[in-house]
Amino acid sequence: MIIYTPLLEQEIFEDEEQHESFHWLNVNHATVKLRRDVENNSFEIVHMSSTNPSDYLQKHLQPGSIYYL
């Protein structure tokens, strides 16, 4: 079987351990995938998905942005 997708292989075939560290959250009508960093008590945006093109220009929604609790 061939899968045509822009996603990485690790995102398609996630391990159960890996799956627990990611969370999906809606922020300003955009859906972001967050990875939890337990040591710093923070979350990092890994992936952002939205139907609004202007959401992709928002700096606080860019992959790599960090949110603290």
C-alpha atoms as a PDB file:
ATOM      1  CA  MET A   1       0.000   0.000   0.000  1.00  0.00           C
ATOM      2  CA  ILE A   2       1.220   3.529  -0.816  1.00  0.00           C
ATOM      3  CA  ILE A   3       0.239   6.489   1.344  1.00  0.00           C
ATOM      4  CA  TYR A   4       0.606   9.983  -0.131  1.00  0.00           C
ATOM      5  CA  THR A   5       0.692  12.456   2.756  1.00  0.00           C
ATOM      6  CA  PRO A   6       2.711  15.449   3.962  1.00  0.00           C
ATOM      7  CA  LEU A   7       2.927  13.867   7.431  1.00  0.00           C
ATOM      8  CA  LEU A   8       6.050  12.205   8.767  1.00  0.00           C
ATOM      9  CA  GLU A   9       6.159   8.452   9.201  1.00  0.00           C
ATOM     10  CA  GLN A  10       6.345   8.901  12.991  1.00  0.00           C
ATOM     11  CA  GLU A  11       3.109  10.911  12.972  1.00  0.00           C
ATOM     12  CA  ILE A  12       1.228   8.223  11.035  1.00  0.00           C
ATOM     13  CA  PHE A  13       2.583   5.210  12.915  1.00  0.00           C
ATOM     14  CA  GLU A  14       2.816   6.538  16.475  1.00  0.00           C
ATOM     15  CA  ASP A  15       3.784   4.369  19.415  1.00  0.00           C
ATOM     16  CA  GLU A  16       1.473   4.247  22.410  1.00  0.00           C
ATOM     17  CA  GLU A  17       4.125   5.948  24.556  1.00  0.00           C
ATOM     18  CA  GLN A  18       4.524   8.722  22.011  1.00  0.00           C
ATOM     19  CA  HIS A  19       0.770   9.154  21.647  1.00  0.00           C
ATOM     20  CA  GLU A  20       0.375   9.997  25.321  1.00  0.00           C
ATOM     21  CA  SER A  21       2.760  12.965  25.169  1.00  0.00           C
ATOM     22  CA  PHE A  22       0.802  14.776  22.420  1.00  0.00           C
ATOM     23  CA  HIS A  23      -2.379  16.786  22.925  1.00  0.00           C
ATOM     24  CA  TRP A  24      -4.705  18.482  20.423  1.00  0.00           C
ATOM     25  CA  LEU A  25      -6.085  21.879  21.399  1.00  0.00           C
ATOM     26  CA  ASN A  26      -8.176  24.608  19.734  1.00  0.00           C
ATOM     27  CA  VAL A  27      -6.560  28.039  19.955  1.00  0.00           C
ATOM     28  CA  ASN A  28      -8.337  30.989  18.277  1.00  0.00           C
ATOM     29  CA  HIS A  29     -10.244  28.690  15.873  1.00  0.00           C
ATOM     30  CA  ALA A  30      -7.040  26.869  14.881  1.00  0.00           C
ATOM     31  CA  THR A  31      -6.216  23.314  15.928  1.00  0.00           C
ATOM     32  CA  VAL A  32      -2.695  22.790  17.255  1.00  0.00           C
ATOM     33  CA  LYS A  33      -0.865  19.620  18.205  1.00  0.00           C
ATOM     34  CA  LEU A  34       1.136  20.103  21.396  1.00  0.00           C
ATOM     35  CA  ARG A  35       4.011  18.053  22.803  1.00  0.00           C
ATOM     36  CA  ARG A  36       4.344  18.147  26.581  1.00  0.00           C
ATOM     37  CA  ASP A  37       7.725  18.759  28.195  1.00  0.00           C
ATOM     38  CA  VAL A  38       7.426  17.449  31.744  1.00  0.00           C
ATOM     39  CA  GLU A  39      10.769  18.852  32.942  1.00  0.00           C
ATOM     40  CA  ASN A  40       9.921  22.487  32.106  1.00  0.00           C
ATOM     41  CA  ASN A  41       6.155  22.134  32.664  1.00  0.00           C
ATOM     42  CA  SER A  42       5.525  23.528  29.182  1.00  0.00           C
ATOM     43  CA  PHE A  43       4.012  22.624  25.814  1.00  0.00           C
ATOM     44  CA  GLU A  44       5.553  23.054  22.360  1.00  0.00           C
ATOM     45  CA  ILE A  45       3.474  23.446  19.196  1.00  0.00           C
ATOM     46  CA  VAL A  46       4.377  20.626  16.829  1.00  0.00           C
ATOM     47  CA  HIS A  47       1.689  21.059  14.168  1.00  0.00           C
ATOM     48  CA  MET A  48      -0.988  23.650  13.378  1.00  0.00           C
ATOM     49  CA  SER A  49      -4.087  23.037  11.274  1.00  0.00           C
ATOM     50  CA  SER A  50      -6.601  25.669  10.192  1.00  0.00           C
ATOM     51  CA  THR A  51      -8.880  26.550   7.286  1.00  0.00           C
ATOM     52  CA  ASN A  52      -8.114  30.256   7.726  1.00  0.00           C
ATOM     53  CA  PRO A  53      -4.925  31.257   5.823  1.00  0.00           C
ATOM     54  CA  SER A  54      -4.227  34.178   8.180  1.00  0.00           C
ATOM     55  CA  ASP A  55      -3.792  31.741  11.098  1.00  0.00           C
ATOM     56  CA  TYR A  56      -0.574  30.506   9.487  1.00  0.00           C
ATOM     57  CA  LEU A  57       0.898  34.022   9.841  1.00  0.00           C
ATOM     58  CA  GLN A  58       0.250  34.237  13.599  1.00  0.00           C
ATOM     59  CA  LYS A  59       3.550  33.934  15.491  1.00  0.00           C
ATOM     60  CA  HIS A  60       1.960  32.407  18.592  1.00  0.00           C
ATOM     61  CA  LEU A  61       0.586  29.511  16.471  1.00  0.00           C
ATOM     62  CA  GLN A  62       3.827  28.665  14.638  1.00  0.00           C
ATOM     63  CA  PRO A  63       5.452  25.262  15.211  1.00  0.00           C
ATOM     64  CA  GLY A  64       8.173  25.607  17.806  1.00  0.00           C
ATOM     65  CA  SER A  65       6.270  28.158  19.911  1.00  0.00           C
ATOM     66  CA  ILE A  66       6.295  27.261  23.599  1.00  0.00           C
ATOM     67  CA  TYR A  67       3.450  27.662  26.105  1.00  0.00           C
ATOM     68  CA  TYR A  68       4.044  27.500  29.855  1.00  0.00           C
ATOM     69  CA  LEU A  69       1.491  26.441  32.445  1.00  0.00           C
END
